């Protein structure tokens, strides 16, 4: 019968209560849920190695800066974003005095989100 979960009289889109030892929840047809599931495998050793590598890169960059080397040049789009955000921050008192602090935060948020 089309539209029904196999072995059930309930429509495919209906909710079923799922009881486990630790929690109670509602899900759709169990076959549909199983079909849409994604297996995620996490390897703690690999994650640790990646984290240690990132820490090493950051430590190296800090040492280079402390020893007098110039930082790497920012991309133009980040320089432009920094300039726009600086102009907004300079106008903070105007936002504050007009009672539009939310507008201030939105302006900064829009500029940050534009780079992602």
N, C-alpha and C. Protein backbone atom coordinates (compact mmCIF):
# COMPACT_ATOMS: atom_id res chain seq x y z
N UNK A 1 0.84 -1.17 0.00
CA UNK A 1 0.00 0.00 0.00
C UNK A 1 0.89 1.24 0.00
N UNK A 2 0.73 2.11 -0.95
CA UNK A 2 1.58 3.30 -1.10
C UNK A 2 1.29 4.29 0.02
N UNK A 3 2.35 4.94 0.49
CA UNK A 3 2.19 5.96 1.50
C UNK A 3 2.18 5.44 2.92
N UNK A 4 2.27 4.13 3.10
CA UNK A 4 2.29 3.58 4.45
C UNK A 4 3.66 3.01 4.75
N UNK A 5 4.03 3.04 6.02
CA UNK A 5 5.26 2.39 6.44
C UNK A 5 5.05 0.89 6.32
N UNK A 6 6.08 0.19 5.91
CA UNK A 6 6.00 -1.24 5.73
C UNK A 6 5.65 -1.91 7.06
N UNK A 7 4.64 -2.76 7.06
CA UNK A 7 4.23 -3.49 8.25
C UNK A 7 3.46 -2.63 9.24
N UNK A 8 2.94 -1.49 8.81
CA UNK A 8 2.24 -0.59 9.71
C UNK A 8 1.00 -0.06 9.02
N UNK A 9 0.03 0.34 9.81
CA UNK A 9 -1.17 0.95 9.26
C UNK A 9 -1.08 2.47 9.30
N UNK A 10 0.09 2.99 9.71
CA UNK A 10 0.24 4.43 9.82
C UNK A 10 0.81 5.01 8.53
N UNK A 11 0.38 6.21 8.16
CA UNK A 11 0.95 6.86 6.98
C UNK A 11 2.45 7.11 7.18
N UNK A 12 3.18 7.22 6.09
CA UNK A 12 4.64 7.39 6.14
C UNK A 12 5.04 8.66 6.88
N UNK A 13 4.26 9.69 6.84
CA UNK A 13 4.61 10.94 7.49
C UNK A 13 4.19 11.04 8.94
N UNK A 14 3.54 10.02 9.50
CA UNK A 14 3.06 10.11 10.86
C UNK A 14 4.20 9.97 11.87
N UNK A 15 3.94 10.41 13.07
CA UNK A 15 4.95 10.36 14.12
C UNK A 15 4.74 9.13 14.98
N UNK A 16 5.83 8.55 15.45
CA UNK A 16 5.77 7.43 16.36
C UNK A 16 6.55 7.80 17.61
N UNK A 17 6.09 7.34 18.75
CA UNK A 17 6.83 7.57 19.98
C UNK A 17 7.95 6.54 20.05
N UNK A 18 9.13 6.98 20.35
CA UNK A 18 10.29 6.12 20.49
C UNK A 18 10.71 6.16 21.95
N UNK A 19 10.71 5.02 22.57
CA UNK A 19 11.10 4.94 23.97
C UNK A 19 12.44 4.24 24.07
N UNK A 20 13.37 4.89 24.73
CA UNK A 20 14.66 4.27 24.98
C UNK A 20 14.90 4.31 26.47
N UNK A 21 15.98 3.74 26.91
CA UNK A 21 16.27 3.68 28.33
C UNK A 21 16.45 5.09 28.92
N UNK A 22 17.01 6.01 28.12
CA UNK A 22 17.35 7.31 28.65
C UNK A 22 16.44 8.45 28.21
N UNK A 23 15.65 8.25 27.16
CA UNK A 23 14.86 9.37 26.68
C UNK A 23 13.63 8.90 25.94
N UNK A 24 12.72 9.84 25.72
CA UNK A 24 11.51 9.59 24.94
C UNK A 24 11.48 10.64 23.85
N UNK A 25 11.20 10.24 22.62
CA UNK A 25 11.15 11.21 21.54
C UNK A 25 10.16 10.80 20.48
N UNK A 26 9.91 11.69 19.53
CA UNK A 26 9.01 11.41 18.42
C UNK A 26 9.80 11.45 17.13
N UNK A 27 9.61 10.45 16.29
CA UNK A 27 10.24 10.42 14.98
C UNK A 27 9.21 9.97 13.97
N UNK A 28 9.54 10.11 12.71
CA UNK A 28 8.66 9.63 11.64
C UNK A 28 8.82 8.13 11.47
N UNK A 29 8.34 7.63 10.36
CA UNK A 29 8.42 6.21 10.04
C UNK A 29 9.86 5.73 10.22
N UNK A 30 10.06 4.65 10.96
CA UNK A 30 11.41 4.21 11.30
C UNK A 30 12.22 3.84 10.06
N UNK A 31 11.57 3.31 9.02
CA UNK A 31 12.28 2.99 7.79
C UNK A 31 12.76 4.28 7.12
N UNK A 32 11.94 5.31 7.18
CA UNK A 32 12.31 6.60 6.60
C UNK A 32 13.47 7.22 7.37
N UNK A 33 13.43 7.12 8.69
CA UNK A 33 14.49 7.66 9.52
C UNK A 33 15.79 6.90 9.24
N UNK A 34 15.71 5.58 9.15
CA UNK A 34 16.90 4.77 8.91
C UNK A 34 17.49 5.07 7.53
N UNK A 35 16.62 5.32 6.56
CA UNK A 35 17.08 5.61 5.20
C UNK A 35 17.82 6.94 5.15
N UNK A 36 17.38 7.92 5.95
CA UNK A 36 17.96 9.25 5.94
C UNK A 36 19.13 9.41 6.91
N UNK A 37 19.48 8.35 7.63
CA UNK A 37 20.55 8.43 8.62
C UNK A 37 21.91 8.59 7.96
N UNK A 38 22.79 9.27 8.64
CA UNK A 38 24.16 9.47 8.16
C UNK A 38 25.09 8.88 9.20
N UNK A 39 25.99 8.04 8.76
CA UNK A 39 26.97 7.47 9.68
C UNK A 39 28.14 8.43 9.83
N UNK A 40 28.50 8.74 11.06
CA UNK A 40 29.62 9.62 11.33
C UNK A 40 30.62 8.84 12.15
N UNK A 41 31.83 8.77 11.65
CA UNK A 41 32.89 8.07 12.36
C UNK A 41 33.89 9.09 12.86
N UNK A 42 34.22 9.01 14.14
CA UNK A 42 35.14 9.94 14.74
C UNK A 42 36.35 9.17 15.23
N UNK A 43 37.51 9.58 14.79
CA UNK A 43 38.74 8.95 15.21
C UNK A 43 39.47 9.92 16.13
N UNK A 44 39.47 9.66 17.45
CA UNK A 44 40.10 10.62 18.37
C UNK A 44 41.60 10.79 18.11
N UNK A 45 42.28 9.75 17.62
CA UNK A 45 43.71 9.88 17.36
C UNK A 45 43.97 10.84 16.21
N UNK A 46 43.13 10.75 15.17
CA UNK A 46 43.26 11.66 14.03
C UNK A 46 42.96 13.09 14.44
N UNK A 47 41.92 13.27 15.25
CA UNK A 47 41.55 14.62 15.70
C UNK A 47 42.66 15.22 16.55
N UNK A 48 43.26 14.41 17.41
CA UNK A 48 44.35 14.90 18.25
C UNK A 48 45.53 15.32 17.40
N UNK A 49 45.85 14.53 16.38
CA UNK A 49 46.97 14.86 15.50
C UNK A 49 46.70 16.17 14.76
N UNK A 50 45.47 16.38 14.29
CA UNK A 50 45.13 17.62 13.59
C UNK A 50 45.23 18.82 14.54
N UNK A 51 44.76 18.63 15.77
CA UNK A 51 44.81 19.71 16.75
C UNK A 51 46.27 20.05 17.10
N UNK A 52 47.09 19.03 17.30
CA UNK A 52 48.51 19.27 17.60
C UNK A 52 49.20 19.99 16.44
N UNK A 53 48.86 19.62 15.22
CA UNK A 53 49.43 20.29 14.05
C UNK A 53 49.02 21.76 14.03
N UNK A 54 47.76 22.04 14.30
CA UNK A 54 47.28 23.42 14.30
C UNK A 54 47.96 24.23 15.39
N UNK A 55 48.14 23.64 16.57
CA UNK A 55 48.83 24.33 17.67
C UNK A 55 50.28 24.63 17.26
N UNK A 56 50.92 23.66 16.60
CA UNK A 56 52.29 23.87 16.13
C UNK A 56 52.39 25.00 15.13
N UNK A 57 51.45 25.08 14.22
CA UNK A 57 51.43 26.15 13.22
C UNK A 57 51.25 27.51 13.91
N UNK A 58 50.32 27.57 14.87
CA UNK A 58 50.09 28.83 15.59
C UNK A 58 51.32 29.24 16.39
N UNK A 59 51.95 28.27 17.06
CA UNK A 59 53.17 28.57 17.83
C UNK A 59 54.27 29.10 16.91
N UNK A 60 54.42 28.48 15.75
CA UNK A 60 55.44 28.94 14.79
C UNK A 60 55.17 30.36 14.33
N UNK A 61 53.90 30.65 14.04
CA UNK A 61 53.54 32.00 13.59
C UNK A 61 53.80 33.03 14.69
N UNK A 62 53.48 32.70 15.93
CA UNK A 62 53.72 33.61 17.05
C UNK A 62 55.21 33.87 17.20
N UNK A 63 56.02 32.82 17.13
CA UNK A 63 57.47 32.98 17.25
C UNK A 63 58.02 33.86 16.13
N UNK A 64 57.52 33.69 14.92
CA UNK A 64 57.98 34.50 13.79
C UNK A 64 57.65 35.98 14.03
N UNK A 65 56.44 36.25 14.54
CA UNK A 65 56.05 37.63 14.81
C UNK A 65 56.90 38.24 15.93
N UNK A 66 57.15 37.44 16.97
CA UNK A 66 57.95 37.93 18.10
C UNK A 66 59.40 38.18 17.70
N UNK A 67 59.89 37.46 16.71
CA UNK A 67 61.28 37.64 16.29
C UNK A 67 61.44 38.74 15.25
N UNK A 68 60.37 39.43 14.91
CA UNK A 68 60.48 40.60 14.06
C UNK A 68 60.02 40.42 12.62
N UNK A 69 59.58 39.24 12.23
CA UNK A 69 59.08 39.05 10.87
C UNK A 69 57.72 39.72 10.72
N UNK A 70 57.42 40.19 9.54
CA UNK A 70 56.13 40.81 9.27
C UNK A 70 55.04 39.75 9.15
N UNK A 71 53.84 40.08 9.60
CA UNK A 71 52.74 39.13 9.41
C UNK A 71 52.40 39.02 7.92
N UNK A 72 51.74 37.93 7.56
CA UNK A 72 51.34 37.77 6.16
C UNK A 72 50.29 38.82 5.82
N UNK A 73 50.32 39.29 4.58
CA UNK A 73 49.40 40.33 4.14
C UNK A 73 47.98 39.78 4.05
N UNK A 74 47.01 40.58 4.52
CA UNK A 74 45.61 40.19 4.44
C UNK A 74 45.11 40.31 3.01
N UNK A 75 44.12 39.50 2.68
CA UNK A 75 43.48 39.61 1.37
C UNK A 75 42.69 40.92 1.31
N UNK A 76 42.53 41.43 0.10
CA UNK A 76 41.84 42.71 -0.08
C UNK A 76 40.43 42.71 0.52
N UNK A 77 39.70 41.61 0.34
CA UNK A 77 38.31 41.61 0.85
C UNK A 77 38.30 41.74 2.37
N UNK A 78 39.31 41.20 3.07
CA UNK A 78 39.37 41.32 4.52
C UNK A 78 39.80 42.73 4.92
N UNK A 79 40.68 43.34 4.15
CA UNK A 79 41.06 44.73 4.41
C UNK A 79 39.85 45.65 4.27
N UNK A 80 39.05 45.42 3.22
CA UNK A 80 37.84 46.23 3.02
C UNK A 80 36.85 46.02 4.15
N UNK A 81 36.68 44.79 4.58
CA UNK A 81 35.76 44.49 5.68
C UNK A 81 36.24 45.16 6.96
N UNK A 82 37.54 45.09 7.24
CA UNK A 82 38.09 45.75 8.43
C UNK A 82 37.81 47.25 8.40
N UNK A 83 37.95 47.87 7.24
CA UNK A 83 37.71 49.31 7.11
C UNK A 83 36.23 49.64 7.35
N UNK A 84 35.33 48.82 6.79
CA UNK A 84 33.89 49.06 6.99
C UNK A 84 33.52 48.91 8.46
N UNK A 85 34.03 47.86 9.10
CA UNK A 85 33.70 47.62 10.51
C UNK A 85 34.28 48.75 11.37
N UNK A 86 35.47 49.23 11.05
CA UNK A 86 36.07 50.35 11.80
C UNK A 86 35.19 51.60 11.70
N UNK A 87 34.65 51.87 10.50
CA UNK A 87 33.76 53.03 10.34
C UNK A 87 32.50 52.87 11.18
N UNK A 88 31.97 51.66 11.25
CA UNK A 88 30.76 51.41 12.06
C UNK A 88 31.09 51.60 13.54
N UNK A 89 32.23 51.07 13.99
CA UNK A 89 32.63 51.18 15.39
C UNK A 89 32.84 52.65 15.77
N UNK A 90 33.40 53.45 14.86
CA UNK A 90 33.59 54.88 15.12
C UNK A 90 32.26 55.60 15.33
N UNK A 91 31.19 55.08 14.74
CA UNK A 91 29.87 55.70 14.87
C UNK A 91 29.03 55.08 15.99
N UNK A 92 29.68 54.29 16.88
CA UNK A 92 28.93 53.61 17.95
C UNK A 92 28.13 54.60 18.80
N UNK A 93 28.74 55.74 19.17
CA UNK A 93 28.04 56.72 20.02
C UNK A 93 26.76 57.21 19.35
N UNK A 94 26.78 57.38 18.03
CA UNK A 94 25.56 57.80 17.32
C UNK A 94 24.47 56.75 17.45
N UNK A 95 24.85 55.48 17.29
CA UNK A 95 23.87 54.39 17.46
C UNK A 95 23.34 54.38 18.89
N UNK A 96 24.25 54.52 19.86
CA UNK A 96 23.88 54.47 21.27
C UNK A 96 22.95 55.61 21.64
N UNK A 97 23.28 56.81 21.20
CA UNK A 97 22.46 57.98 21.53
C UNK A 97 21.08 57.91 20.90
N UNK A 98 20.98 57.29 19.73
CA UNK A 98 19.67 57.18 19.09
C UNK A 98 18.90 55.94 19.57
N UNK A 99 19.51 55.16 20.48
CA UNK A 99 18.83 53.98 21.02
C UNK A 99 18.77 52.83 20.04
N UNK A 100 19.69 52.79 19.09
CA UNK A 100 19.67 51.76 18.06
C UNK A 100 20.90 50.85 18.16
N UNK A 101 21.12 50.31 19.35
CA UNK A 101 22.26 49.42 19.55
C UNK A 101 22.07 48.13 18.74
N UNK A 102 20.83 47.70 18.58
CA UNK A 102 20.56 46.51 17.76
C UNK A 102 20.95 46.77 16.31
N UNK A 103 20.67 47.97 15.82
CA UNK A 103 21.08 48.33 14.46
C UNK A 103 22.59 48.31 14.31
N UNK A 104 23.30 48.75 15.37
CA UNK A 104 24.76 48.70 15.38
C UNK A 104 25.25 47.27 15.25
N UNK A 105 24.70 46.38 16.06
CA UNK A 105 25.10 44.98 16.02
C UNK A 105 24.76 44.34 14.68
N UNK A 106 23.61 44.70 14.13
CA UNK A 106 23.22 44.16 12.81
C UNK A 106 24.19 44.63 11.73
N UNK A 107 24.60 45.89 11.80
CA UNK A 107 25.54 46.42 10.80
C UNK A 107 26.86 45.68 10.85
N UNK A 108 27.36 45.43 12.06
CA UNK A 108 28.61 44.68 12.19
C UNK A 108 28.41 43.24 11.72
N UNK A 109 27.30 42.64 12.12
CA UNK A 109 27.02 41.26 11.72
C UNK A 109 26.93 41.09 10.22
N UNK A 110 26.28 42.04 9.56
CA UNK A 110 26.16 41.95 8.10
C UNK A 110 27.52 42.04 7.41
N UNK A 111 28.39 42.86 7.96
CA UNK A 111 29.73 43.00 7.37
C UNK A 111 30.57 41.75 7.60
N UNK A 112 30.42 41.14 8.76
CA UNK A 112 31.16 39.91 9.03
C UNK A 112 30.62 38.77 8.18
N UNK A 113 29.30 38.65 8.12
CA UNK A 113 28.67 37.55 7.38
C UNK A 113 28.92 37.66 5.88
N UNK A 114 29.20 38.82 5.38
CA UNK A 114 29.45 39.00 3.95
C UNK A 114 30.72 38.32 3.46
N UNK A 115 31.59 37.91 4.38
CA UNK A 115 32.85 37.27 3.99
C UNK A 115 32.81 35.75 4.05
N UNK A 116 31.68 35.20 4.41
CA UNK A 116 31.61 33.74 4.53
C UNK A 116 30.72 33.12 3.50
